[in-house]
Protein backbone atom coordinates (compact mmCIF):
# COMPACT_ATOMS: atom_id res chain seq x y z
CA UNK A 1 67.28 -47.60 147.19
CA UNK A 2 69.40 -50.74 147.61
CA UNK A 3 70.84 -49.34 150.84
CA UNK A 4 67.37 -48.87 152.38
CA UNK A 5 66.29 -52.35 151.27
CA UNK A 6 69.37 -53.92 152.85
CA UNK A 7 68.83 -52.00 156.09
CA UNK A 8 65.20 -53.16 156.18
CA UNK A 9 66.31 -56.77 155.63
CA UNK A 10 68.75 -56.46 158.52
CA UNK A 11 66.18 -54.91 160.85
CA UNK A 12 63.50 -57.44 159.92
CA UNK A 13 65.96 -60.29 160.39
CA UNK A 14 66.87 -59.14 163.87
CA UNK A 15 63.20 -58.69 164.80
CA UNK A 16 62.48 -62.18 163.50
CA UNK A 17 65.32 -63.66 165.54
CA UNK A 18 64.15 -61.87 168.69
CA UNK A 19 60.74 -63.54 168.37
CA UNK A 20 62.33 -66.89 169.22
CA UNK A 21 65.58 -65.94 170.98
CA UNK A 22 66.72 -63.72 173.82
CA UNK A 23 68.18 -60.50 172.40
CA UNK A 24 71.44 -60.77 174.34
CA UNK A 25 72.13 -64.24 172.90
CA UNK A 26 71.67 -63.24 169.24
CA UNK A 27 74.89 -62.66 167.34
CA UNK A 28 75.61 -60.34 164.43
CA UNK A 29 76.53 -63.45 162.44
CA UNK A 30 73.02 -64.86 162.99
CA UNK A 31 71.48 -61.57 161.89
CA UNK A 32 73.58 -61.43 158.73
CA UNK A 33 72.76 -65.07 157.91
CA UNK A 34 69.05 -64.46 158.42
CA UNK A 35 69.27 -61.36 156.18
CA UNK A 36 71.19 -63.37 153.54
CA UNK A 37 74.08 -60.92 153.50
CA UNK A 38 77.67 -61.23 154.59
CA UNK A 39 78.67 -60.20 158.07
CA UNK A 40 81.06 -57.60 156.62
CA UNK A 41 78.19 -56.15 154.57
CA UNK A 42 76.07 -55.84 157.72
CA UNK A 43 78.92 -53.85 159.28
CA UNK A 44 78.67 -51.40 156.37
CA UNK A 45 75.29 -50.39 157.83
CA UNK A 46 75.54 -51.00 161.57
CA UNK A 47 78.36 -51.25 164.10
CA UNK A 48 76.51 -53.80 166.23
CA UNK A 49 73.07 -55.22 166.98
CA UNK A 50 72.37 -52.45 169.51
CA UNK A 51 72.62 -49.93 166.70
CA UNK A 52 70.15 -51.99 164.65
CA UNK A 53 67.69 -51.89 167.55
CA UNK A 54 68.23 -48.14 167.95
CA UNK A 55 67.29 -47.74 164.29
CA UNK A 56 64.19 -49.92 164.75
CA UNK A 57 63.13 -47.90 167.80
CA UNK A 58 63.64 -44.64 165.90
CA UNK A 59 61.53 -45.94 162.99
CA UNK A 60 58.65 -46.66 165.35
CA UNK A 61 59.03 -43.35 167.17
CA UNK A 62 58.93 -41.59 163.78
CA UNK A 63 55.63 -43.32 162.90
CA UNK A 64 54.19 -42.20 166.22
CA UNK A 65 55.59 -38.65 165.87
CA UNK A 66 54.01 -38.27 162.42
CA UNK A 67 50.55 -39.26 163.63
CA UNK A 68 50.80 -37.50 166.99
CA UNK A 69 51.52 -34.09 165.48
CA UNK A 70 47.81 -33.85 164.65
CA UNK A 71 46.71 -34.86 168.14
CA UNK A 72 45.40 -31.45 169.20
CA UNK A 73 44.17 -30.11 165.86
CA UNK A 74 40.60 -30.84 166.82
CA UNK A 75 38.46 -30.86 169.90
CA UNK A 76 37.11 -34.27 168.86
CA UNK A 77 40.06 -36.65 168.44
CA UNK A 78 38.22 -39.74 167.22
CA UNK A 79 39.92 -39.57 163.81
CA UNK A 80 43.33 -39.24 165.46
CA UNK A 81 42.63 -42.22 167.73
CA UNK A 82 41.44 -44.32 164.79
CA UNK A 83 44.61 -43.50 162.88
CA UNK A 84 46.72 -44.26 165.95
CA UNK A 85 44.86 -47.55 166.41
CA UNK A 86 45.58 -48.53 162.81
CA UNK A 87 49.28 -47.86 163.32
CA UNK A 88 49.41 -49.75 166.63
CA UNK A 89 47.58 -52.73 165.17
CA UNK A 90 49.85 -52.78 162.12
CA UNK A 91 53.02 -52.49 164.22
CA UNK A 92 51.84 -54.46 167.28
CA UNK A 93 54.28 -57.38 166.95
CA UNK A 94 57.30 -55.06 166.55
CA UNK A 95 56.15 -52.82 169.40
CA UNK A 96 55.76 -55.83 171.69
CA UNK A 97 59.33 -56.80 170.85
CA UNK A 98 60.61 -53.27 171.51
CA UNK A 99 58.83 -53.06 174.86
CA UNK A 100 60.22 -56.44 175.92
CA UNK A 101 63.82 -55.61 175.04
CA UNK A 102 66.36 -54.74 177.74
CA UNK A 103 65.46 -51.47 179.44
CA UNK A 104 68.14 -49.47 177.59
CA UNK A 105 65.95 -49.87 174.49
CA UNK A 106 62.42 -50.06 175.89
CA UNK A 107 63.05 -47.04 178.14
CA UNK A 108 64.37 -45.10 175.16
CA UNK A 109 61.13 -45.81 173.30
CA UNK A 110 58.98 -44.84 176.32
CA UNK A 111 60.99 -41.64 176.87
CA UNK A 112 60.69 -40.69 173.22
CA UNK A 113 56.92 -41.18 173.36
CA UNK A 114 56.75 -39.08 176.53
CA UNK A 115 58.80 -36.35 174.85
CA UNK A 116 56.46 -36.32 171.84
CA UNK A 117 53.41 -36.10 174.09
CA UNK A 118 54.98 -33.25 176.08
CA UNK A 119 56.16 -31.23 173.08
CA UNK A 120 52.86 -31.64 171.26
CA UNK A 121 50.84 -30.77 174.34
CA UNK A 122 52.88 -27.65 175.13
CA UNK A 123 52.92 -26.55 171.49
CA UNK A 124 49.14 -26.82 171.25
CA UNK A 125 48.21 -25.64 174.75
CA UNK A 126 47.45 -22.19 173.44
CA UNK A 127 45.26 -23.45 170.59
CA UNK A 128 42.92 -25.10 173.05
CA UNK A 129 42.76 -23.61 176.54
CA UNK A 130 42.80 -26.20 179.30
CA UNK A 131 41.44 -26.25 182.82
CA UNK A 132 43.36 -23.46 184.53
CA UNK A 133 43.43 -25.08 187.97
CA UNK A 134 45.23 -28.20 186.71
CA UNK A 135 49.04 -27.76 186.56
CA UNK A 136 50.54 -28.26 183.09
CA UNK A 137 53.01 -30.88 184.39
CA UNK A 138 50.08 -32.91 185.72
CA UNK A 139 48.20 -32.61 182.42
CA UNK A 140 51.25 -33.76 180.47
CA UNK A 141 51.88 -36.72 182.77
CA UNK A 142 48.20 -37.65 182.63
CA UNK A 143 48.13 -37.46 178.81
CA UNK A 144 51.33 -39.51 178.58
CA UNK A 145 49.95 -42.22 180.87
CA UNK A 146 46.67 -42.24 178.99
CA UNK A 147 48.53 -42.47 175.68
CA UNK A 148 50.96 -45.13 176.81
CA UNK A 149 48.25 -47.28 178.38
CA UNK A 150 46.33 -47.05 175.13
CA UNK A 151 49.45 -48.15 173.24
CA UNK A 152 49.95 -51.11 175.58
CA UNK A 153 46.31 -52.13 175.48
CA UNK A 154 46.10 -51.93 171.69
CA UNK A 155 49.31 -53.83 170.96
CA UNK A 156 48.20 -56.57 173.35
CA UNK A 157 44.65 -56.60 171.92
CA UNK A 158 45.30 -55.65 168.29
CA UNK A 159 41.85 -54.49 167.24
CA UNK A 160 40.00 -51.20 167.37
CA UNK A 161 38.03 -50.73 170.52
CA UNK A 162 35.51 -48.02 169.75
CA UNK A 163 34.40 -47.77 173.38
CA UNK A 164 37.93 -46.95 174.51
CA UNK A 165 38.36 -44.48 171.66
CA UNK A 166 35.15 -42.71 172.71
CA UNK A 167 36.21 -42.73 176.37
CA UNK A 168 39.59 -41.16 175.58
CA UNK A 169 37.84 -38.59 173.43
CA UNK A 170 35.58 -37.72 176.38
CA UNK A 171 38.58 -37.45 178.72
CA UNK A 172 40.25 -35.01 176.32
CA UNK A 173 37.08 -32.91 176.33
CA UNK A 174 37.27 -32.74 180.13
CA UNK A 175 40.73 -31.19 179.97
CA UNK A 176 40.44 -29.09 176.83
CA UNK A 177 37.77 -26.48 176.42
């Protein structure tokens, strides 16, 4: 348990430093000082600050993956969108940081989200038939863009927007029979 607590302190310290500093200018020493641990102790958990960010990105992808696995369980996805909204609102400050990091990190997050959307969509395509004349690649890209725009909108306006939730639900119903 101590190991997980220390890793969380390190990750939270780096996120806190990024709020007021450019990522590239932050040093491992600053992160360790902010976490109130020795620099050598930090190196017991992470090789460098990039690895800390990779861990933070993976944490946030895991939250999304867990919620998104239920995306196509129902024709009406209002409950899914409400749960997703809650997560995005709760994690909005961290997600803003991730998306404003250098592209090697922000692109990794975006690509992971796209992969989750694609895998979930393909896995569930046979549960809910879709419009046959629309190519699957187009449907996946459309769902990713819809999802990612919803993520961006919600983290920049951290509150539930029931009108948007209802609109996305209607769009799903256009694609899925």
